Protein backbone atom coordinates (compact mmCIF):
# COMPACT_ATOMS: atom_id res chain seq x y z
CA MET A 1 170.60 158.43 79.85
CA ARG A 2 168.63 157.51 82.90
CA LYS A 3 165.52 154.92 82.14
CA LYS A 4 162.20 156.52 83.20
CA ARG A 5 160.40 154.56 86.16
CA ARG A 6 156.69 153.48 85.01
CA PHE A 7 154.20 153.65 87.79
CA VAL A 8 152.22 150.46 88.18
CA ILE A 9 148.46 151.46 88.65
CA LEU A 10 147.00 147.76 89.24
CA ASP A 11 148.72 144.79 89.98
CA ARG A 12 148.40 141.81 87.58
CA THR A 13 147.11 139.56 90.72
CA LEU A 14 144.18 142.06 91.59
CA LEU A 15 142.94 141.94 88.33
CA TYR A 16 142.79 138.08 88.40
CA VAL A 17 140.87 138.33 91.72
CA ILE A 18 138.70 141.46 90.20
CA PHE A 19 137.88 139.38 87.08
CA GLY A 20 137.56 135.86 88.97
CA ILE A 21 134.60 138.19 91.50
CA ILE A 22 132.90 139.30 88.36
CA ILE A 23 132.88 135.77 86.95
CA LEU A 24 131.23 134.43 90.36
CA LEU A 25 128.71 137.34 90.40
CA PHE A 26 127.91 136.70 86.68
CA SER A 27 127.37 132.98 87.60
CA LEU A 28 125.60 133.32 90.63
CA ASN A 29 123.10 135.71 88.88
CA PHE A 30 122.45 133.11 86.38
CA ILE A 31 121.87 130.18 88.64
CA THR A 32 119.42 132.63 90.33
CA THR A 33 117.75 133.21 87.30
CA GLN A 34 117.50 129.63 86.40
CA GLN A 35 116.25 128.89 89.89
CA LYS A 36 113.69 131.35 89.49
CA ASN A 37 112.78 130.05 86.30
CA LYS A 38 112.32 126.50 87.79
CA ILE A 39 110.43 127.65 90.76
CA LYS A 40 108.02 129.57 88.29
CA ARG A 41 107.57 126.47 86.24
CA LEU A 42 106.90 124.49 89.56
CA GLU A 43 104.46 126.70 90.81
CA ASP A 44 102.38 126.91 87.37
CA GLU A 45 102.41 123.13 87.45
CA ILE A 46 101.42 122.95 91.29
CA ALA A 47 98.45 125.66 90.18
CA ALA A 48 97.47 123.59 87.29
CA VAL A 49 97.60 120.11 89.57
CA GLN A 50 95.30 122.17 91.64
CA GLU A 51 92.93 122.84 89.34
CA GLU A 52 92.73 119.25 88.21
CA LEU A 53 92.27 118.28 91.46
CA VAL A 54 89.10 120.52 92.14
CA HIS A 55 87.79 119.26 88.29
CA TYR A 56 88.34 115.61 89.54
CA LYS A 57 86.89 116.27 93.05
CA HIS A 58 83.90 117.39 91.59
CA ILE A 59 83.83 114.05 89.29
CA THR A 60 84.30 111.99 92.32
CA GLU A 61 81.44 113.55 94.30
CA LEU A 62 79.30 112.95 91.52
CA VAL A 63 80.44 109.42 91.33
CA SER A 64 79.97 108.87 95.08
CA LYS A 65 76.26 110.20 94.37
CA ILE A 66 75.91 108.03 91.34
CA GLU A 67 76.74 104.89 93.68
CA GLU A 68 74.73 105.91 96.48
CA ALA A 69 71.73 106.15 93.96
CA ARG A 70 72.70 102.74 92.71
CA ALA A 71 72.40 101.07 95.98
CA SER A 72 69.14 102.39 96.91
CA ILE A 73 67.79 101.52 93.65
CA GLU A 74 68.97 97.80 93.92
CA SER A 75 67.96 97.83 97.40
CA ARG A 76 63.92 98.75 96.43
CA ILE A 77 64.64 96.20 93.57
CA GLU A 78 65.39 93.46 96.13
CA GLU A 79 62.47 94.51 98.38
CA PHE A 80 60.39 94.37 94.95
CA GLN A 81 61.58 91.08 94.14
CA LYS A 82 60.78 89.97 97.57
CA LEU A 83 57.30 91.21 97.40
CA ASP A 84 56.85 89.57 93.93
CA ASN A 85 58.13 86.13 94.89
CA ARG A 86 55.71 86.18 97.80
CA ARG A 87 52.49 87.85 96.11
CA ALA A 88 50.53 84.65 96.34
CA PHE A 89 51.45 84.31 99.98
CA TRP A 90 50.24 88.20 100.44
CA ILE A 91 47.10 87.34 98.79
CA GLU A 92 46.34 84.79 100.43
CA HIS A 93 47.25 85.99 103.69
CA PHE A 94 45.28 89.38 103.40
CA SER A 95 42.14 87.64 101.99
CA ALA A 96 42.11 85.27 105.06
CA MET A 97 42.65 88.62 107.43
CA GLY A 98 39.46 89.52 105.53
CA ASN A 99 37.69 86.74 106.03
CA SER A 100 38.15 86.56 109.64
CA MET A 101 37.07 90.16 110.54
CA PRO A 102 34.10 90.19 112.83
CA GLU A 103 31.74 93.13 112.53
CA PHE A 104 32.04 96.16 114.25
CA VAL A 105 36.33 96.25 114.31
CA TRP A 106 38.32 97.75 111.99
CA PHE A 107 42.00 97.94 111.07
CA THR A 108 43.50 101.36 110.89
CA SER A 109 47.19 100.39 110.04
CA TYR A 110 49.06 97.37 109.15
CA SER A 111 52.68 97.58 108.90
CA PHE A 112 55.47 94.78 108.53
CA ALA A 113 59.12 95.69 109.33
CA ARG A 114 61.88 93.61 110.43
CA GLU A 115 59.74 90.54 110.41
CA VAL A 116 57.39 91.94 112.71
CA ILE A 117 53.80 92.87 112.12
CA GLU A 118 51.79 95.57 113.59
CA ILE A 119 48.39 96.05 113.43
CA ARG A 120 46.23 98.81 114.72
CA GLY A 121 42.38 98.75 114.92
CA ILE A 122 39.23 100.05 116.72
CA SER A 123 36.23 98.28 117.74
CA TYR A 124 33.41 98.86 120.32
CA SER A 125 33.76 96.12 122.58
CA ILE A 126 36.64 93.89 123.93
CA GLN A 127 34.93 90.71 123.29
CA THR A 128 34.80 91.82 119.51
CA ILE A 129 38.63 92.00 119.77
CA ALA A 130 38.90 88.74 121.34
CA THR A 131 36.86 87.19 118.51
CA LEU A 132 39.29 88.83 116.07
CA MET A 133 42.08 86.86 117.67
CA VAL A 134 40.38 83.93 117.74
CA GLN A 135 39.26 83.97 114.15
CA LEU A 136 42.68 85.13 113.16
CA LEU A 137 44.53 82.01 114.71
CA LYS A 138 41.68 79.53 113.52
CA ALA A 139 42.28 80.61 109.96
CA ASN A 140 46.15 80.19 110.62
CA VAL A 141 46.79 83.73 109.46
CA PHE A 142 49.34 83.94 112.52
CA ASP A 143 50.57 81.27 114.59
CA TYR A 144 50.38 83.53 118.00
CA LEU A 145 48.98 87.23 118.34
CA ASN A 146 50.31 89.66 121.19
CA ILE A 147 48.10 92.65 122.20
CA THR A 148 50.47 95.72 122.80
CA TYR A 149 47.71 97.82 124.55
CA ILE A 150 43.81 97.88 124.58
CA LYS A 151 42.98 101.74 125.49
CA GLU A 152 39.33 103.22 125.62
CA GLY A 153 38.71 106.28 124.23
CA ASN A 154 36.18 108.57 121.95
CA VAL A 155 35.31 108.50 118.40
CA GLN A 156 33.87 111.56 117.34
CA ASP A 157 30.00 111.22 116.69
CA TYR A 158 30.43 107.51 117.36
CA GLY A 159 30.86 107.65 121.17
CA LYS A 160 33.02 104.86 123.17
CA ALA A 161 35.33 102.63 121.44
CA PHE A 162 38.61 100.81 121.69
CA PHE A 163 41.71 101.16 120.30
CA PHE A 164 44.12 98.30 120.21
CA GLU A 165 47.37 96.96 118.75
CA LEU A 166 48.60 93.36 117.73
CA LYS A 167 52.12 92.16 117.27
CA SER A 168 52.87 88.94 115.52
CA GLU A 169 55.35 87.49 112.94
CA LEU A 170 54.16 85.89 109.09
CA PRO A 171 53.90 82.22 109.83
CA ALA A 172 56.32 81.45 107.17
CA LEU A 173 58.79 83.58 109.07
CA LYS A 174 57.89 82.41 112.53
CA LYS A 175 60.18 80.48 114.43
CA LYS A 176 58.17 78.25 117.05
CA THR A 177 59.76 78.21 120.97
CA ASP A 178 59.27 74.99 122.77
CA GLU A 179 57.13 76.53 124.87
CA GLN A 180 54.62 77.88 122.14
CA LYS A 181 54.83 74.40 120.78
CA GLU A 182 53.82 72.98 124.15
CA ASP A 183 51.05 75.32 124.62
CA GLY A 184 49.40 75.57 120.93
CA SER A 185 45.84 76.06 121.66
CA ILE A 186 43.81 79.08 120.71
CA ASP A 187 42.95 79.62 124.36
CA ALA A 188 46.16 79.46 125.32
CA GLN A 189 47.68 81.58 122.79
CA ILE A 190 45.65 84.34 123.89
CA LYS A 191 45.08 83.79 127.72
CA GLY A 192 45.91 86.76 129.91
CA LYS A 193 46.42 89.19 126.83
CA LEU A 194 42.96 90.71 127.33
CA GLY A 195 42.46 92.04 130.82
CA THR A 196 39.26 93.25 132.36
CA ARG A 197 36.90 96.13 130.82
CA GLU A 198 38.21 97.78 134.19
CA SER A 199 42.15 97.36 133.23
CA ALA A 200 41.61 98.86 129.76
CA LYS A 201 39.56 101.66 131.00
CA GLN A 202 42.43 102.61 133.28
CA ALA A 203 44.78 102.26 129.97
CA GLY A 204 42.97 104.47 127.75
CA ALA A 205 42.15 107.31 130.73
CA GLY A 206 44.52 109.64 128.78
CA LEU A 207 42.63 109.39 125.55
CA ARG A 208 39.55 111.02 127.02
């Protein structure tokens, strides 16, 4: 009896290879799925962090505005404290100014910034302005006075007038130079500052 011959459809080695490929594909698919899930979680976390940053940005801007407001308030309080500490001085200062005012001269503005005083006014004569300066210096309202300008112009319904500006420092804040100490008389302090009526007319020609 001759034994029948068996036909081999697939070799055992080939089956192992195919099985290995299947396992490899399954593993790659599993790893890919895991990575996708991890990426999704990271994207969700990034989105949450970004939303939180937007929220904190609003808070940061609010805190910055509060800090600016606090700095402004503290600066104002400091200025008020300075004014309050010098209240008696200012009362005496303005009282002396009022007592030193001659007739027919008026102040239109008084400003004090960076320890420099600027006074603007109007008068009907240069002599009255000179009298004002002399009386302010005699009353020790100021240690010195500088004239920035004297301009001749017209005041509606009143006619010709002289507009002027004076500059100085408060006596308590003034640091005298050696030249001012040597030349301390009132005449010397205002000497050469007024000029002539003609120069005043020329300086104020543009106001007409």
